[in-house]
Protein backbone atom coordinates (compact mmCIF):
# COMPACT_ATOMS: atom_id res chain seq x y z
CA UNK A 1 25.94 -14.53 -10.01
CA UNK A 2 23.89 -15.43 -6.89
CA UNK A 3 20.30 -14.70 -7.13
CA UNK A 4 19.00 -11.99 -5.19
CA UNK A 5 17.10 -13.63 -2.72
CA UNK A 6 20.37 -15.29 -1.75
CA UNK A 7 23.06 -12.81 -1.61
CA UNK A 8 22.63 -12.07 2.13
CA UNK A 9 23.75 -15.73 2.68
CA UNK A 10 26.99 -15.64 4.57
CA UNK A 11 27.56 -19.45 3.70
CA UNK A 12 26.72 -19.25 -0.21
CA UNK A 13 28.85 -16.14 -0.28
CA UNK A 14 31.66 -17.92 1.26
CA UNK A 15 31.28 -20.83 -1.07
CA UNK A 16 31.37 -18.43 -4.28
CA UNK A 17 34.44 -16.45 -2.60
CA UNK A 18 36.14 -19.94 -2.37
CA UNK A 19 35.40 -20.92 -6.00
CA UNK A 20 36.41 -17.51 -7.63
CA UNK A 21 39.97 -17.60 -5.52
CA UNK A 22 40.97 -21.09 -6.20
CA UNK A 23 39.99 -22.16 -9.55
CA UNK A 24 40.94 -20.26 -13.03
CA UNK A 25 38.09 -20.33 -15.06
CA UNK A 26 39.97 -19.47 -18.10
CA UNK A 27 42.03 -22.50 -17.71
CA UNK A 28 39.04 -24.67 -17.00
CA UNK A 29 37.40 -23.60 -20.30
CA UNK A 30 40.63 -24.00 -22.28
CA UNK A 31 41.02 -27.60 -21.23
CA UNK A 32 37.19 -28.53 -22.00
CA UNK A 33 37.83 -26.79 -25.62
CA UNK A 34 41.06 -28.65 -25.91
CA UNK A 35 40.13 -32.04 -24.54
CA UNK A 36 36.25 -32.14 -25.78
CA UNK A 37 35.31 -29.37 -28.31
CA UNK A 38 38.33 -29.49 -30.52
CA UNK A 39 38.57 -32.54 -32.49
CA UNK A 40 42.15 -32.39 -33.40
CA UNK A 41 43.17 -32.34 -29.73
CA UNK A 42 40.24 -34.25 -27.80
CA UNK A 43 41.02 -36.97 -25.79
CA UNK A 44 39.31 -40.24 -24.01
CA UNK A 45 35.82 -39.15 -23.07
CA UNK A 46 35.82 -36.16 -25.44
CA UNK A 47 36.68 -38.53 -28.38
CA UNK A 48 33.62 -40.73 -27.19
CA UNK A 49 31.40 -37.80 -27.43
CA UNK A 50 32.36 -37.16 -31.08
CA UNK A 51 31.98 -40.83 -31.82
CA UNK A 52 28.34 -40.76 -30.75
CA UNK A 53 27.71 -37.48 -32.54
CA UNK A 54 28.79 -39.04 -35.89
CA UNK A 55 27.65 -42.44 -35.40
CA UNK A 56 30.71 -44.78 -34.72
CA UNK A 57 32.02 -46.50 -31.78
CA UNK A 58 35.72 -46.70 -30.10
CA UNK A 59 35.28 -50.72 -30.17
CA UNK A 60 35.79 -52.61 -33.28
CA UNK A 61 34.60 -56.16 -33.48
CA UNK A 62 37.25 -57.68 -36.05
CA UNK A 63 36.78 -61.68 -37.37
CA UNK A 64 40.05 -63.43 -36.28
CA UNK A 65 41.88 -64.33 -39.38
CA UNK A 66 44.30 -66.58 -37.47
CA UNK A 67 47.66 -67.26 -38.68
CA UNK A 68 47.44 -70.29 -41.56
CA UNK A 69 49.34 -71.59 -44.50
CA UNK A 70 47.72 -70.84 -47.60
CA UNK A 71 47.41 -68.88 -50.97
CA UNK A 72 47.25 -65.14 -50.89
CA UNK A 73 43.43 -64.38 -51.01
CA UNK A 74 43.14 -60.44 -50.58
CA UNK A 75 42.53 -60.19 -46.86
CA UNK A 76 46.02 -60.69 -45.48
CA UNK A 77 45.37 -63.77 -43.51
CA UNK A 78 47.41 -66.58 -45.02
CA UNK A 79 51.10 -66.71 -44.56
CA UNK A 80 53.81 -68.63 -47.05
CA UNK A 81 55.87 -71.52 -46.44
CA UNK A 82 57.66 -72.56 -43.20
CA UNK A 83 55.73 -69.55 -41.32
CA UNK A 84 52.48 -71.10 -40.16
CA UNK A 85 50.25 -74.12 -40.05
CA UNK A 86 47.30 -75.38 -41.77
CA UNK A 87 44.06 -73.92 -40.79
CA UNK A 88 41.91 -75.60 -38.32
CA UNK A 89 38.54 -74.18 -38.20
CA UNK A 90 37.23 -70.81 -38.25
CA UNK A 91 38.88 -68.07 -36.01
CA UNK A 92 37.22 -66.21 -33.41
CA UNK A 93 36.17 -62.69 -33.51
CA UNK A 94 38.05 -60.39 -31.26
CA UNK A 95 36.97 -56.87 -30.20
CA UNK A 96 39.62 -54.12 -30.08
CA UNK A 97 39.73 -50.79 -28.27
CA UNK A 98 41.08 -48.07 -30.56
CA UNK A 99 43.54 -45.65 -29.32
CA UNK A 100 42.94 -41.91 -29.46
CA UNK A 101 44.82 -41.26 -32.53
CA UNK A 102 43.25 -44.40 -34.34
CA UNK A 103 39.74 -43.39 -32.86
CA UNK A 104 40.45 -39.50 -33.92
CA UNK A 105 40.87 -40.54 -37.65
CA UNK A 106 38.26 -43.13 -37.91
CA UNK A 107 35.78 -40.24 -36.47
CA UNK A 108 37.16 -37.84 -38.92
CA UNK A 109 36.31 -40.31 -41.98
CA UNK A 110 32.77 -41.20 -40.51
CA UNK A 111 32.29 -37.46 -40.61
CA UNK A 112 33.55 -37.20 -43.98
CA UNK A 113 31.50 -40.14 -45.20
CA UNK A 114 28.22 -38.72 -43.66
CA UNK A 115 28.33 -35.64 -45.98
CA UNK A 116 30.41 -36.74 -49.14
CA UNK A 117 29.13 -38.21 -52.27
CA UNK A 118 30.09 -41.75 -52.73
CA UNK A 119 32.05 -41.53 -55.75
CA UNK A 120 35.59 -42.53 -56.79
CA UNK A 121 37.18 -39.16 -56.26
CA UNK A 122 35.98 -38.81 -52.92
CA UNK A 123 36.51 -42.19 -51.96
CA UNK A 124 40.37 -41.99 -53.07
CA UNK A 125 40.59 -38.92 -51.00
CA UNK A 126 39.23 -40.74 -47.84
CA UNK A 127 41.76 -43.51 -48.48
CA UNK A 128 44.63 -41.21 -48.65
CA UNK A 129 43.56 -39.39 -45.30
CA UNK A 130 42.85 -43.03 -43.55
CA UNK A 131 46.14 -44.32 -44.69
CA UNK A 132 48.43 -41.33 -44.52
CA UNK A 133 49.34 -41.19 -48.21
CA UNK A 134 50.12 -45.15 -48.69
CA UNK A 135 49.50 -46.42 -52.13
CA UNK A 136 45.40 -47.49 -52.22
CA UNK A 137 42.61 -46.51 -54.48
CA UNK A 138 39.36 -46.95 -55.58
CA UNK A 139 38.56 -48.64 -59.16
CA UNK A 140 35.21 -48.45 -61.00
CA UNK A 141 34.91 -51.84 -62.53
CA UNK A 142 31.76 -51.10 -64.39
CA UNK A 143 28.39 -52.82 -64.31
CA UNK A 144 27.70 -51.47 -60.71
CA UNK A 145 30.93 -52.73 -59.38
CA UNK A 146 33.92 -51.13 -57.49
CA UNK A 147 37.07 -52.42 -56.11
CA UNK A 148 39.12 -51.36 -53.40
CA UNK A 149 43.00 -51.89 -54.01
CA UNK A 150 45.43 -51.94 -51.22
CA UNK A 151 49.22 -52.26 -52.37
CA UNK A 152 50.15 -53.17 -48.85
CA UNK A 153 49.07 -55.42 -45.97
CA UNK A 154 46.15 -54.50 -43.84
CA UNK A 155 46.52 -54.49 -40.18
CA UNK A 156 43.23 -56.31 -38.81
CA UNK A 157 41.70 -53.22 -37.12
CA UNK A 158 42.01 -51.23 -40.87
CA UNK A 159 40.41 -54.30 -42.45
CA UNK A 160 37.66 -53.85 -40.29
CA UNK A 161 37.21 -50.21 -40.82
CA UNK A 162 37.50 -50.43 -44.58
CA UNK A 163 34.95 -53.44 -44.49
CA UNK A 164 32.57 -51.64 -42.11
CA UNK A 165 29.77 -49.27 -42.68
CA UNK A 166 32.31 -45.98 -42.31
CA UNK A 167 33.17 -46.11 -45.96
CA UNK A 168 30.48 -44.59 -47.94
CA UNK A 169 29.90 -47.31 -50.50
CA UNK A 170 27.34 -46.44 -53.07
CA UNK A 171 23.94 -47.90 -52.89
CA UNK A 172 23.46 -50.99 -55.29
CA UNK A 173 27.18 -51.29 -56.18
CA UNK A 174 29.00 -54.47 -55.55
CA UNK A 175 32.09 -53.81 -53.43
CA UNK A 176 35.43 -56.06 -53.84
CA UNK A 177 38.69 -55.77 -51.81
CA UNK A 178 42.13 -56.33 -53.19
CA UNK A 179 45.43 -56.17 -51.33
CA UNK A 180 48.81 -56.25 -53.36
CA UNK A 181 51.61 -56.28 -51.28
CA UNK A 182 54.09 -56.85 -54.08
CA UNK A 183 57.35 -57.24 -52.08
CA UNK A 184 55.44 -60.23 -50.03
CA UNK A 185 53.95 -62.01 -53.30
CA UNK A 186 56.17 -64.84 -54.30
CA UNK A 187 57.36 -64.90 -57.77
CA UNK A 188 60.60 -64.60 -60.44
CA UNK A 189 62.55 -61.73 -60.21
CA UNK A 190 62.47 -61.52 -64.09
CA UNK A 191 58.80 -60.85 -63.97
CA UNK A 192 59.28 -57.67 -61.99
CA UNK A 193 61.61 -56.21 -59.56
CA UNK A 194 60.40 -56.58 -55.77
CA UNK A 195 58.86 -60.19 -55.56
CA UNK A 196 59.83 -62.37 -53.17
CA UNK A 197 61.42 -65.79 -53.48
CA UNK A 198 61.21 -68.92 -51.71
CA UNK A 199 59.94 -68.90 -48.00
CA UNK A 200 59.34 -65.28 -48.02
CA UNK A 201 56.08 -64.51 -50.00
CA UNK A 202 52.88 -66.05 -50.27
CA UNK A 203 51.26 -67.41 -53.98
CA UNK A 204 49.17 -64.42 -55.49
CA UNK A 205 45.34 -65.17 -56.19
CA UNK A 206 42.90 -62.15 -57.32
CA UNK A 207 39.95 -62.36 -55.42
């Protein structure tokens, strides 16, 4: 709509006519909704806007785990015999840019953690959403302590998400993390099916 004092301007009238003839505003509005407003379909800068709203960045700084031989310690940073050298110094940190799908999931988890109660049932629901139904859960250890348990190896960016402020850990509660990827732990087959033989699994050590 042109203000009344400019309605007699031929140049402005031509510009407005050109816009209406060459642009489909319904398509533009639909694109804006799908790429920015709707979190399920948002892309690129739209997700960046959502990230600022809930308070989580697309870039994750991850402590480099290196690839070293050693005993299993819960963070997935060591490998079994014949697969890696001994550790030599602390690995440097690395910064990763999350792709849209991973960032969308991180935004949803952060949004839920902003409004939920940080108890075991809620944290278990968040874990199931974050890891697509893989076997992971929270244990109440008592004495103001809790433990995240993952029965699979976490990817570096997944480890960074879990150990960051995204997960709503209860105030004053000590948090532990434990990975138990049973098929990749060295052991005798008689003890329990699924343990790995020599050169295929690490020693298990509870942390």
